[in-house]
Amino acid sequence: MVVNLSRLNRYTSRNEVVAVPGKVLAAGEITHPITVAAFTFSRKAEEKIKAARGKCVSFSDLAKKNPKGSNIKIIG
């Protein structure tokens, strides 16, 4: 599964936590900070997320921070 930043920007709000069961690509822009967990990120997508003051994390890091999985939006 592939998700572009434009989709993340459209379906998220500021400071939300998102899980992407696949790869995040850089098409589009991200205009607010979010935390994204994904299997992989393109280099440019990671740069754009960080430039918007967001975070890119692994699923294991996300599970450690939020073991119950509360308040996580899944976008595919």
PDB file of N, CA and C in Angstrom:
ATOM      1  N   MET A   1       0.835  -1.168   0.000  1.00  0.00           N
ATOM      2  CA  MET A   1       0.000   0.000   0.000  1.00  0.00           C
ATOM      3  C   MET A   1       0.884   1.237   0.000  1.00  0.00           C
ATOM      4  N   VAL A   2       0.506   2.226  -0.801  1.00  0.00           N
ATOM      5  CA  VAL A   2       1.253   3.469  -0.924  1.00  0.00           C
ATOM      6  C   VAL A   2       0.317   4.629  -0.596  1.00  0.00           C
ATOM      7  N   VAL A   3       0.785   5.559   0.240  1.00  0.00           N
ATOM      8  CA  VAL A   3      -0.001   6.736   0.619  1.00  0.00           C
ATOM      9  C   VAL A   3       0.853   7.976   0.380  1.00  0.00           C
ATOM     10  N   ASN A   4       0.266   8.954  -0.304  1.00  0.00           N
ATOM     11  CA  ASN A   4       0.957  10.210  -0.560  1.00  0.00           C
ATOM     12  C   ASN A   4       0.691  11.211   0.555  1.00  0.00           C
ATOM     13  N   LEU A   5       1.584  12.180   0.687  1.00  0.00           N
ATOM     14  CA  LEU A   5       1.414  13.213   1.702  1.00  0.00           C
ATOM     15  C   LEU A   5       0.127  14.001   1.505  1.00  0.00           C
ATOM     16  N   SER A   6      -0.296  14.172   0.273  1.00  0.00           N
ATOM     17  CA  SER A   6      -1.545  14.906   0.022  1.00  0.00           C
ATOM     18  C   SER A   6      -2.724  14.236   0.724  1.00  0.00           C
ATOM     19  N   ARG A   7      -2.759  12.924   0.744  1.00  0.00           N
ATOM     20  CA  ARG A   7      -3.833  12.204   1.436  1.00  0.00           C
ATOM     21  C   ARG A   7      -3.722  12.381   2.952  1.00  0.00           C
ATOM     22  N   LEU A   8      -2.507  12.295   3.466  1.00  0.00           N
ATOM     23  CA  LEU A   8      -2.321  12.496   4.903  1.00  0.00           C
ATOM     24  C   LEU A   8      -2.747  13.904   5.309  1.00  0.00           C
ATOM     25  N   ASN A   9      -2.408  14.877   4.485  1.00  0.00           N
ATOM     26  CA  ASN A   9      -2.767  16.263   4.780  1.00  0.00           C
ATOM     27  C   ASN A   9      -4.285  16.453   4.767  1.00  0.00           C
ATOM     28  N   ARG A  10      -4.946  15.820   3.810  1.00  0.00           N
ATOM     29  CA  ARG A  10      -6.395  15.959   3.646  1.00  0.00           C
ATOM     30  C   ARG A  10      -7.177  15.318   4.795  1.00  0.00           C
ATOM     31  N   TYR A  11      -6.729  14.185   5.287  1.00  0.00           N
ATOM     32  CA  TYR A  11      -7.515  13.408   6.249  1.00  0.00           C
ATOM     33  C   TYR A  11      -7.009  13.466   7.689  1.00  0.00           C
ATOM     34  N   THR A  12      -6.083  14.361   7.975  1.00  0.00           N
ATOM     35  CA  THR A  12      -5.594  14.488   9.348  1.00  0.00           C
ATOM     36  C   THR A  12      -5.714  15.918   9.836  1.00  0.00           C
ATOM     37  N   SER A  13      -5.638  16.045  11.134  1.00  0.00           N
ATOM     38  CA  SER A  13      -5.607  17.357  11.780  1.00  0.00           C
ATOM     39  C   SER A  13      -4.282  17.507  12.510  1.00  0.00           C
ATOM     40  N   ARG A  14      -4.022  18.684  12.942  1.00  0.00           N
ATOM     41  CA  ARG A  14      -2.793  19.021  13.665  1.00  0.00           C
ATOM     42  C   ARG A  14      -2.571  18.062  14.845  1.00  0.00           C
ATOM     43  N   ASN A  15      -1.349  17.544  14.950  1.00  0.00           N
ATOM     44  CA  ASN A  15      -0.880  16.692  16.054  1.00  0.00           C
ATOM     45  C   ASN A  15      -1.548  15.327  16.146  1.00  0.00           C
ATOM     46  N   GLU A  16      -2.225  14.868  15.105  1.00  0.00           N
ATOM     47  CA  GLU A  16      -2.788  13.512  15.125  1.00  0.00           C
ATOM     48  C   GLU A  16      -1.677  12.483  14.938  1.00  0.00           C
ATOM     49  N   VAL A  17      -1.985  11.254  15.343  1.00  0.00           N
ATOM     50  CA  VAL A  17      -1.082  10.123  15.154  1.00  0.00           C
ATOM     51  C   VAL A  17      -1.720   9.221  14.101  1.00  0.00           C
ATOM     52  N   VAL A  18      -0.925   8.861  13.081  1.00  0.00           N
ATOM     53  CA  VAL A  18      -1.433   8.117  11.930  1.00  0.00           C
ATOM     54  C   VAL A  18      -0.582   6.874  11.714  1.00  0.00           C
ATOM     55  N   ALA A  19      -1.243   5.764  11.388  1.00  0.00           N
ATOM     56  CA  ALA A  19      -0.549   4.533  11.000  1.00  0.00           C
ATOM     57  C   ALA A  19      -0.830   4.273   9.527  1.00  0.00           C
ATOM     58  N   VAL A  20       0.219   4.047   8.763  1.00  0.00           N
ATOM     59  CA  VAL A  20       0.106   3.731   7.337  1.00  0.00           C
ATOM     60  C   VAL A  20       0.666   2.328   7.128  1.00  0.00           C
ATOM     61  N   PRO A  21      -0.183   1.367   6.772  1.00  0.00           N
ATOM     62  CA  PRO A  21       0.302  -0.006   6.577  1.00  0.00           C
ATOM     63  C   PRO A  21       0.972  -0.175   5.207  1.00  0.00           C
ATOM     64  N   GLY A  22       2.049   0.552   4.999  1.00  0.00           N
ATOM     65  CA  GLY A  22       2.751   0.518   3.718  1.00  0.00           C
ATOM     66  C   GLY A  22       3.820   1.585   3.679  1.00  0.00           C
ATOM     67  N   LYS A  23       3.943   2.232   2.506  1.00  0.00           N
ATOM     68  CA  LYS A  23       4.987   3.236   2.285  1.00  0.00           C
ATOM     69  C   LYS A  23       4.362   4.614   2.124  1.00  0.00           C
ATOM     70  N   VAL A  24       5.025   5.625   2.667  1.00  0.00           N
ATOM     71  CA  VAL A  24       4.596   7.019   2.520  1.00  0.00           C
ATOM     72  C   VAL A  24       5.481   7.666   1.454  1.00  0.00           C
ATOM     73  N   LEU A  25       4.811   8.264   0.444  1.00  0.00           N
ATOM     74  CA  LEU A  25       5.529   8.951  -0.630  1.00  0.00           C
ATOM     75  C   LEU A  25       5.313  10.456  -0.535  1.00  0.00           C
ATOM     76  N   ALA A  26       6.154  11.225  -1.215  1.00  0.00           N
ATOM     77  CA  ALA A  26       6.213  12.678  -1.046  1.00  0.00           C
ATOM     78  C   ALA A  26       5.265  13.483  -1.925  1.00  0.00           C
ATOM     79  N   ALA A  27       4.420  12.869  -2.731  1.00  0.00           N
ATOM     80  CA  ALA A  27       3.531  13.644  -3.605  1.00  0.00           C
ATOM     81  C   ALA A  27       2.576  14.483  -2.772  1.00  0.00           C
ATOM     82  N   GLY A  28       2.559  15.778  -3.030  1.00  0.00           N
ATOM     83  CA  GLY A  28       1.711  16.679  -2.273  1.00  0.00           C
ATOM     84  C   GLY A  28       2.484  17.337  -1.153  1.00  0.00           C
ATOM     85  N   GLU A  29       1.745  18.041  -0.322  1.00  0.00           N
ATOM     86  CA  GLU A  29       2.352  18.776   0.788  1.00  0.00           C
ATOM     87  C   GLU A  29       1.691  18.371   2.093  1.00  0.00           C
ATOM     88  N   ILE A  30       2.390  18.600   3.185  1.00  0.00           N
ATOM     89  CA  ILE A  30       1.833  18.426   4.525  1.00  0.00           C
ATOM     90  C   ILE A  30       1.965  19.788   5.203  1.00  0.00           C
ATOM     91  N   THR A  31       0.844  20.319   5.681  1.00  0.00           N
ATOM     92  CA  THR A  31       0.842  21.696   6.178  1.00  0.00           C
ATOM     93  C   THR A  31       0.701  21.801   7.689  1.00  0.00           C
ATOM     94  N   HIS A  32       0.656  20.675   8.373  1.00  0.00           N
ATOM     95  CA  HIS A  32       0.532  20.679   9.827  1.00  0.00           C
ATOM     96  C   HIS A  32       1.318  19.508  10.403  1.00  0.00           C
ATOM     97  N   PRO A  33       1.746  19.624  11.661  1.00  0.00           N
ATOM     98  CA  PRO A  33       2.531  18.539  12.263  1.00  0.00           C
ATOM     99  C   PRO A  33       1.664  17.329  12.612  1.00  0.00           C
ATOM    100  N   ILE A  34       2.126  16.158  12.207  1.00  0.00           N
ATOM    101  CA  ILE A  34       1.497  14.882  12.581  1.00  0.00           C
ATOM    102  C   ILE A  34       2.609  13.891  12.885  1.00  0.00           C
ATOM    103  N   THR A  35       2.260  12.829  13.574  1.00  0.00           N
ATOM    104  CA  THR A  35       3.189  11.724  13.799  1.00  0.00           C
ATOM    105  C   THR A  35       2.728  10.583  12.913  1.00  0.00           C
ATOM    106  N   VAL A  36       3.635  10.055  12.095  1.00  0.00           N
ATOM    107  CA  VAL A  36       3.291   9.009  11.136  1.00  0.00           C
ATOM    108  C   VAL A  36       4.132   7.769  11.405  1.00  0.00           C
ATOM    109  N   ALA A  37       3.460   6.631  11.560  1.00  0.00           N
ATOM    110  CA  ALA A  37       4.140   5.339  11.630  1.00  0.00           C
ATOM    111  C   ALA A  37       3.862   4.621  10.317  1.00  0.00           C
ATOM    112  N   ALA A  38       4.906   4.110   9.696  1.00  0.00           N
ATOM    113  CA  ALA A  38       4.756   3.393   8.425  1.00  0.00           C
ATOM    114  C   ALA A  38       5.871   2.360   8.317  1.00  0.00           C
ATOM    115  N   PHE A  39       5.686   1.426   7.370  1.00  0.00           N
ATOM    116  CA  PHE A  39       6.749   0.444   7.139  1.00  0.00           C
ATOM    117  C   PHE A  39       7.974   1.129   6.550  1.00  0.00           C
ATOM    118  N   THR A  40       7.752   2.041   5.567  1.00  0.00           N
ATOM    119  CA  THR A  40       8.860   2.793   4.981  1.00  0.00           C
ATOM    120  C   THR A  40       8.381   4.172   4.555  1.00  0.00           C
ATOM    121  N   PHE A  41       9.332   5.073   4.422  1.00  0.00           N
ATOM    122  CA  PHE A  41       9.094   6.436   3.967  1.00  0.00           C
ATOM    123  C   PHE A  41      10.073   6.731   2.841  1.00  0.00           C
ATOM    124  N   SER A  42       9.619   7.442   1.805  1.00  0.00           N
ATOM    125  CA  SER A  42      10.600   7.935   0.841  1.00  0.00           C
ATOM    126  C   SER A  42      11.401   9.011   1.557  1.00  0.00           C
ATOM    127  N   ARG A  43      12.606   9.242   1.100  1.00  0.00           N
ATOM    128  CA  ARG A  43      13.471  10.232   1.735  1.00  0.00           C
ATOM    129  C   ARG A  43      12.805  11.606   1.720  1.00  0.00           C
ATOM    130  N   LYS A  44      12.215  11.970   0.585  1.00  0.00           N
ATOM    131  CA  LYS A  44      11.579  13.282   0.444  1.00  0.00           C
ATOM    132  C   LYS A  44      10.338  13.406   1.336  1.00  0.00           C
ATOM    133  N   ALA A  45       9.556  12.336   1.472  1.00  0.00           N
ATOM    134  CA  ALA A  45       8.375  12.371   2.345  1.00  0.00           C
ATOM    135  C   ALA A  45       8.797  12.606   3.786  1.00  0.00           C
ATOM    136  N   GLU A  46       9.836  11.932   4.208  1.00  0.00           N
ATOM    137  CA  GLU A  46      10.336  12.110   5.575  1.00  0.00           C
ATOM    138  C   GLU A  46      10.800  13.551   5.793  1.00  0.00           C
ATOM    139  N   GLU A  47      11.479  14.118   4.803  1.00  0.00           N
ATOM    140  CA  GLU A  47      11.940  15.510   4.906  1.00  0.00           C
ATOM    141  C   GLU A  47      10.755  16.470   5.035  1.00  0.00           C
ATOM    142  N   LYS A  48       9.705  16.264   4.226  1.00  0.00           N
ATOM    143  CA  LYS A  48       8.538  17.148   4.258  1.00  0.00           C
ATOM    144  C   LYS A  48       7.775  17.043   5.580  1.00  0.00           C
ATOM    145  N   ILE A  49       7.648  15.826   6.104  1.00  0.00           N
ATOM    146  CA  ILE A  49       6.953  15.643   7.390  1.00  0.00           C
ATOM    147  C   ILE A  49       7.726  16.353   8.496  1.00  0.00           C
ATOM    148  N   LYS A  50       9.031  16.197   8.506  1.00  0.00           N
ATOM    149  CA  LYS A  50       9.856  16.847   9.528  1.00  0.00           C
ATOM    150  C   LYS A  50       9.859  18.368   9.362  1.00  0.00           C
ATOM    151  N   ALA A  51       9.815  18.855   8.117  1.00  0.00           N
ATOM    152  CA  ALA A  51       9.767  20.300   7.872  1.00  0.00           C
ATOM    153  C   ALA A  51       8.477  20.909   8.406  1.00  0.00           C
ATOM    154  N   ALA A  52       7.406  20.118   8.453  1.00  0.00           N
ATOM    155  CA  ALA A  52       6.120  20.572   9.004  1.00  0.00           C
ATOM    156  C   ALA A  52       6.075  20.345  10.518  1.00  0.00           C
ATOM    157  N   ARG A  53       7.215  20.043  11.128  1.00  0.00           N
ATOM    158  CA  ARG A  53       7.366  19.781  12.564  1.00  0.00           C
ATOM    159  C   ARG A  53       6.691  18.477  12.997  1.00  0.00           C
ATOM    160  N   GLY A  54       6.514  17.554  12.054  1.00  0.00           N
ATOM    161  CA  GLY A  54       5.956  16.253  12.364  1.00  0.00           C
ATOM    162  C   GLY A  54       7.043  15.248  12.673  1.00  0.00           C
ATOM    163  N   LYS A  55       6.624  14.000  12.906  1.00  0.00           N
ATOM    164  CA  LYS A  55       7.570  12.932  13.246  1.00  0.00           C
ATOM    165  C   LYS A  55       7.284  11.699  12.398  1.00  0.00           C
ATOM    166  N   CYS A  56       8.333  10.999  12.041  1.00  0.00           N
ATOM    167  CA  CYS A  56       8.251   9.712  11.360  1.00  0.00           C
ATOM    168  C   CYS A  56       8.764   8.668  12.343  1.00  0.00           C
ATOM    169  N   VAL A  57       7.943   7.661  12.633  1.00  0.00           N
ATOM    170  CA  VAL A  57       8.322   6.645  13.608  1.00  0.00           C
ATOM    171  C   VAL A  57       8.058   5.258  13.043  1.00  0.00           C
ATOM    172  N   SER A  58       8.681   4.272  13.647  1.00  0.00           N
ATOM    173  CA  SER A  58       8.428   2.875  13.274  1.00  0.00           C
ATOM    174  C   SER A  58       7.210   2.373  14.047  1.00  0.00           C
ATOM    175  N   PHE A  59       6.668   1.269  13.586  1.00  0.00           N
ATOM    176  CA  PHE A  59       5.530   0.683  14.296  1.00  0.00           C
ATOM    177  C   PHE A  59       5.926   0.218  15.692  1.00  0.00           C
ATOM    178  N   SER A  60       7.150  -0.264  15.860  1.00  0.00           N
ATOM    179  CA  SER A  60       7.575  -0.704  17.196  1.00  0.00           C
ATOM    180  C   SER A  60       7.679   0.485  18.153  1.00  0.00           C
ATOM    181  N   ASP A  61       8.155   1.630  17.667  1.00  0.00           N
ATOM    182  CA  ASP A  61       8.203   2.831  18.512  1.00  0.00           C
ATOM    183  C   ASP A  61       6.802   3.302  18.870  1.00  0.00           C
ATOM    184  N   LEU A  62       5.898   3.249  17.901  1.00  0.00           N
ATOM    185  CA  LEU A  62       4.513   3.648  18.156  1.00  0.00           C
ATOM    186  C   LEU A  62       3.871   2.740  19.198  1.00  0.00           C
ATOM    187  N   ALA A  63       4.131   1.438  19.102  1.00  0.00           N
ATOM    188  CA  ALA A  63       3.564   0.483  20.059  1.00  0.00           C
ATOM    189  C   ALA A  63       4.121   0.698  21.465  1.00  0.00           C
ATOM    190  N   LYS A  64       5.387   1.089  21.560  1.00  0.00           N
ATOM    191  CA  LYS A  64       5.975   1.360  22.869  1.00  0.00           C
ATOM    192  C   LYS A  64       5.358   2.597  23.506  1.00  0.00           C
ATOM    193  N   LYS A  65       5.124   3.627  22.699  1.00  0.00           N
ATOM    194  CA  LYS A  65       4.554   4.872  23.219  1.00  0.00           C
ATOM    195  C   LYS A  65       3.062   4.750  23.519  1.00  0.00           C
ATOM    196  N   ASN A  66       2.368   3.905  22.763  1.00  0.00           N
ATOM    197  CA  ASN A  66       0.918   3.792  22.893  1.00  0.00           C
ATOM    198  C   ASN A  66       0.513   2.316  22.768  1.00  0.00           C
ATOM    199  N   PRO A  67       0.775   1.502  23.789  1.00  0.00           N
ATOM    200  CA  PRO A  67       0.526   0.062  23.691  1.00  0.00           C
ATOM    201  C   PRO A  67      -0.941  -0.308  23.481  1.00  0.00           C
ATOM    202  N   LYS A  68      -1.862   0.548  23.887  1.00  0.00           N
ATOM    203  CA  LYS A  68      -3.287   0.246  23.686  1.00  0.00           C
ATOM    204  C   LYS A  68      -3.768   0.658  22.305  1.00  0.00           C
ATOM    205  N   GLY A  69      -2.990   1.435  21.594  1.00  0.00           N
ATOM    206  CA  GLY A  69      -3.379   1.869  20.249  1.00  0.00           C
ATOM    207  C   GLY A  69      -4.495   2.899  20.255  1.00  0.00           C
ATOM    208  N   SER A  70      -4.623   3.636  21.318  1.00  0.00           N
ATOM    209  CA  SER A  70      -5.688   4.623  21.428  1.00  0.00           C
ATOM    210  C   SER A  70      -5.403   5.856  20.584  1.00  0.00           C
ATOM    211  N   ASN A  71      -6.462   6.401  19.985  1.00  0.00           N
ATOM    212  CA  ASN A  71      -6.385   7.661  19.228  1.00  0.00           C
ATOM    213  C   ASN A  71      -5.382   7.620  18.076  1.00  0.00           C
ATOM    214  N   ILE A  72      -5.345   6.502  17.360  1.00  0.00           N
ATOM    215  CA  ILE A  72      -4.499   6.369  16.186  1.00  0.00           C
ATOM    216  C   ILE A  72      -5.405   6.203  14.978  1.00  0.00           C
ATOM    217  N   LYS A  73      -5.180   7.030  13.974  1.00  0.00           N
ATOM    218  CA  LYS A  73      -5.949   6.956  12.729  1.00  0.00           C
ATOM    219  C   LYS A  73      -5.175   6.098  11.746  1.00  0.00           C
ATOM    220  N   ILE A  74      -5.847   5.157  11.094  1.00  0.00           N
ATOM    221  CA  ILE A  74      -5.219   4.310  10.089  1.00  0.00           C
ATOM    222  C   ILE A  74      -5.626   4.837   8.718  1.00  0.00           C
ATOM    223  N   ILE A  75      -4.638   5.122   7.901  1.00  0.00           N
ATOM    224  CA  ILE A  75      -4.889   5.619   6.542  1.00  0.00           C
ATOM    225  C   ILE A  75      -4.173   4.728   5.553  1.00  0.00           C
ATOM    226  N   GLY A  76      -4.930   4.214   4.595  1.00  0.00           N
ATOM    227  CA  GLY A  76      -4.349   3.332   3.601  1.00  0.00           C
ATOM    228  C   GLY A  76      -4.767   3.693   2.209  1.00  0.00           C
TER     229      GLY A  76
END
